[in-house]
């Protein structure tokens, strides 16, 4: 394989992405410093860290999920968001 062909193969087919797959929101019992935190703050932090996506990992609540999804769409980026809830007992 020629060097030029190798460069073309890597430049068009390989893309690195950064994700944070364990994000808590103020609705979660694990979130520290809940006062005054807006959904936009979580999205802005993800964009500042140049993340492609986040996964909301709240416990016993989905209260902030919709607000963060809306903030993600409003930021104009391509931030991919998923959520899961964990409840034990």
C-alpha atoms as a PDB file:
ATOM      1  CA  UNK A   1       0.000   0.000   0.000  1.00  0.00           C
ATOM      2  CA  UNK A   2       1.417   3.371  -0.954  1.00  0.00           C
ATOM      3  CA  UNK A   3       1.913   6.148   1.562  1.00  0.00           C
ATOM      4  CA  UNK A   4      -0.641   8.368  -0.208  1.00  0.00           C
ATOM      5  CA  UNK A   5      -3.226   5.564  -0.154  1.00  0.00           C
ATOM      6  CA  UNK A   6      -2.579   4.975   3.562  1.00  0.00           C
ATOM      7  CA  UNK A   7      -3.101   8.674   4.295  1.00  0.00           C
ATOM      8  CA  UNK A   8      -6.372   8.682   2.348  1.00  0.00           C
ATOM      9  CA  UNK A   9      -7.638   5.551   4.120  1.00  0.00           C
ATOM     10  CA  UNK A  10      -6.962   7.028   7.550  1.00  0.00           C
ATOM     11  CA  UNK A  11      -8.215  10.532   6.811  1.00  0.00           C
ATOM     12  CA  UNK A  12     -11.607   9.369   5.509  1.00  0.00           C
ATOM     13  CA  UNK A  13     -12.319   6.315   7.636  1.00  0.00           C
ATOM     14  CA  UNK A  14     -10.909   6.761  11.115  1.00  0.00           C
ATOM     15  CA  UNK A  15     -12.434   9.296  13.486  1.00  0.00           C
ATOM     16  CA  UNK A  16     -11.714   9.478  17.189  1.00  0.00           C
ATOM     17  CA  UNK A  17     -14.558  10.468  19.487  1.00  0.00           C
ATOM     18  CA  UNK A  18     -14.586  11.430  23.166  1.00  0.00           C
ATOM     19  CA  UNK A  19     -17.446  10.431  25.443  1.00  0.00           C
ATOM     20  CA  UNK A  20     -18.178  10.709  29.153  1.00  0.00           C
ATOM     21  CA  UNK A  21     -20.314   7.679  29.907  1.00  0.00           C
ATOM     22  CA  UNK A  22     -21.074   8.473  33.546  1.00  0.00           C
ATOM     23  CA  UNK A  23     -22.491  11.974  34.111  1.00  0.00           C
ATOM     24  CA  UNK A  24     -24.693  12.855  37.080  1.00  0.00           C
ATOM     25  CA  UNK A  25     -27.138  15.778  37.095  1.00  0.00           C
ATOM     26  CA  UNK A  26     -28.529  17.710  40.079  1.00  0.00           C
ATOM     27  CA  UNK A  27     -31.458  15.245  40.138  1.00  0.00           C
ATOM     28  CA  UNK A  28     -29.125  12.414  41.181  1.00  0.00           C
ATOM     29  CA  UNK A  29     -28.285  11.599  44.779  1.00  0.00           C
ATOM     30  CA  UNK A  30     -24.601  11.425  43.707  1.00  0.00           C
ATOM     31  CA  UNK A  31     -24.404  15.025  42.439  1.00  0.00           C
ATOM     32  CA  UNK A  32     -22.317  17.437  44.517  1.00  0.00           C
ATOM     33  CA  UNK A  33     -23.108  21.164  44.710  1.00  0.00           C
ATOM     34  CA  UNK A  34     -26.659  21.168  43.320  1.00  0.00           C
ATOM     35  CA  UNK A  35     -27.448  24.805  44.013  1.00  0.00           C
ATOM     36  CA  UNK A  36     -27.842  26.959  40.915  1.00  0.00           C
ATOM     37  CA  UNK A  37     -26.814  24.297  38.384  1.00  0.00           C
ATOM     38  CA  UNK A  38     -28.752  24.540  35.108  1.00  0.00           C
ATOM     39  CA  UNK A  39     -29.074  21.906  32.348  1.00  0.00           C
ATOM     40  CA  UNK A  40     -27.077  24.230  30.107  1.00  0.00           C
ATOM     41  CA  UNK A  41     -24.151  23.975  32.533  1.00  0.00           C
ATOM     42  CA  UNK A  42     -23.808  20.228  31.914  1.00  0.00           C
ATOM     43  CA  UNK A  43     -23.895  20.728  28.152  1.00  0.00           C
ATOM     44  CA  UNK A  44     -21.441  23.636  28.269  1.00  0.00           C
ATOM     45  CA  UNK A  45     -19.025  21.527  30.346  1.00  0.00           C
ATOM     46  CA  UNK A  46     -19.242  18.681  27.800  1.00  0.00           C
ATOM     47  CA  UNK A  47     -18.649  21.038  24.868  1.00  0.00           C
ATOM     48  CA  UNK A  48     -15.723  22.703  26.681  1.00  0.00           C
ATOM     49  CA  UNK A  49     -14.150  19.250  27.153  1.00  0.00           C
ATOM     50  CA  UNK A  50     -14.693  18.616  23.403  1.00  0.00           C
ATOM     51  CA  UNK A  51     -16.869  15.570  24.065  1.00  0.00           C
ATOM     52  CA  UNK A  52     -18.891  13.959  21.303  1.00  0.00           C
ATOM     53  CA  UNK A  53     -21.448  12.636  23.742  1.00  0.00           C
ATOM     54  CA  UNK A  54     -22.466  12.041  27.320  1.00  0.00           C
ATOM     55  CA  UNK A  55     -24.484   9.407  29.151  1.00  0.00           C
ATOM     56  CA  UNK A  56     -26.575  10.621  32.051  1.00  0.00           C
ATOM     57  CA  UNK A  57     -26.222   8.155  34.923  1.00  0.00           C
ATOM     58  CA  UNK A  58     -28.637   9.501  37.517  1.00  0.00           C
ATOM     59  CA  UNK A  59     -29.978   7.442  40.391  1.00  0.00           C
ATOM     60  CA  UNK A  60     -33.714   7.275  41.118  1.00  0.00           C
ATOM     61  CA  UNK A  61     -34.655  10.220  38.897  1.00  0.00           C
ATOM     62  CA  UNK A  62     -34.909  11.301  35.288  1.00  0.00           C
ATOM     63  CA  UNK A  63     -35.874  14.825  36.259  1.00  0.00           C
ATOM     64  CA  UNK A  64     -33.037  16.618  34.423  1.00  0.00           C
ATOM     65  CA  UNK A  65     -32.795  14.439  31.307  1.00  0.00           C
ATOM     66  CA  UNK A  66     -35.232  16.407  29.133  1.00  0.00           C
ATOM     67  CA  UNK A  67     -33.666  19.754  30.066  1.00  0.00           C
ATOM     68  CA  UNK A  68     -30.187  18.527  29.195  1.00  0.00           C
ATOM     69  CA  UNK A  69     -31.373  17.032  25.895  1.00  0.00           C
ATOM     70  CA  UNK A  70     -32.991  20.364  24.987  1.00  0.00           C
ATOM     71  CA  UNK A  71     -29.868  22.291  25.980  1.00  0.00           C
ATOM     72  CA  UNK A  72     -27.803  19.928  23.819  1.00  0.00           C
ATOM     73  CA  UNK A  73     -29.968  20.619  20.775  1.00  0.00           C
ATOM     74  CA  UNK A  74     -29.961  24.360  21.468  1.00  0.00           C
ATOM     75  CA  UNK A  75     -26.142  24.535  21.643  1.00  0.00           C
ATOM     76  CA  UNK A  76     -25.985  23.896  17.899  1.00  0.00           C
ATOM     77  CA  UNK A  77     -23.489  21.091  18.264  1.00  0.00           C
ATOM     78  CA  UNK A  78     -23.744  17.394  17.627  1.00  0.00           C
ATOM     79  CA  UNK A  79     -23.639  16.298  21.253  1.00  0.00           C
ATOM     80  CA  UNK A  80     -25.031  12.764  21.535  1.00  0.00           C
ATOM     81  CA  UNK A  81     -26.808  12.032  24.786  1.00  0.00           C
ATOM     82  CA  UNK A  82     -28.112   8.839  26.333  1.00  0.00           C
ATOM     83  CA  UNK A  83     -29.437   8.180  29.786  1.00  0.00           C
ATOM     84  CA  UNK A  84     -29.956   5.331  32.164  1.00  0.00           C
ATOM     85  CA  UNK A  85     -31.343   5.186  35.647  1.00  0.00           C
ATOM     86  CA  UNK A  86     -30.264   2.873  38.402  1.00  0.00           C
ATOM     87  CA  UNK A  87     -32.488   1.938  41.247  1.00  0.00           C
ATOM     88  CA  UNK A  88     -31.650  -0.750  43.739  1.00  0.00           C
ATOM     89  CA  UNK A  89     -33.613  -2.503  46.421  1.00  0.00           C
END
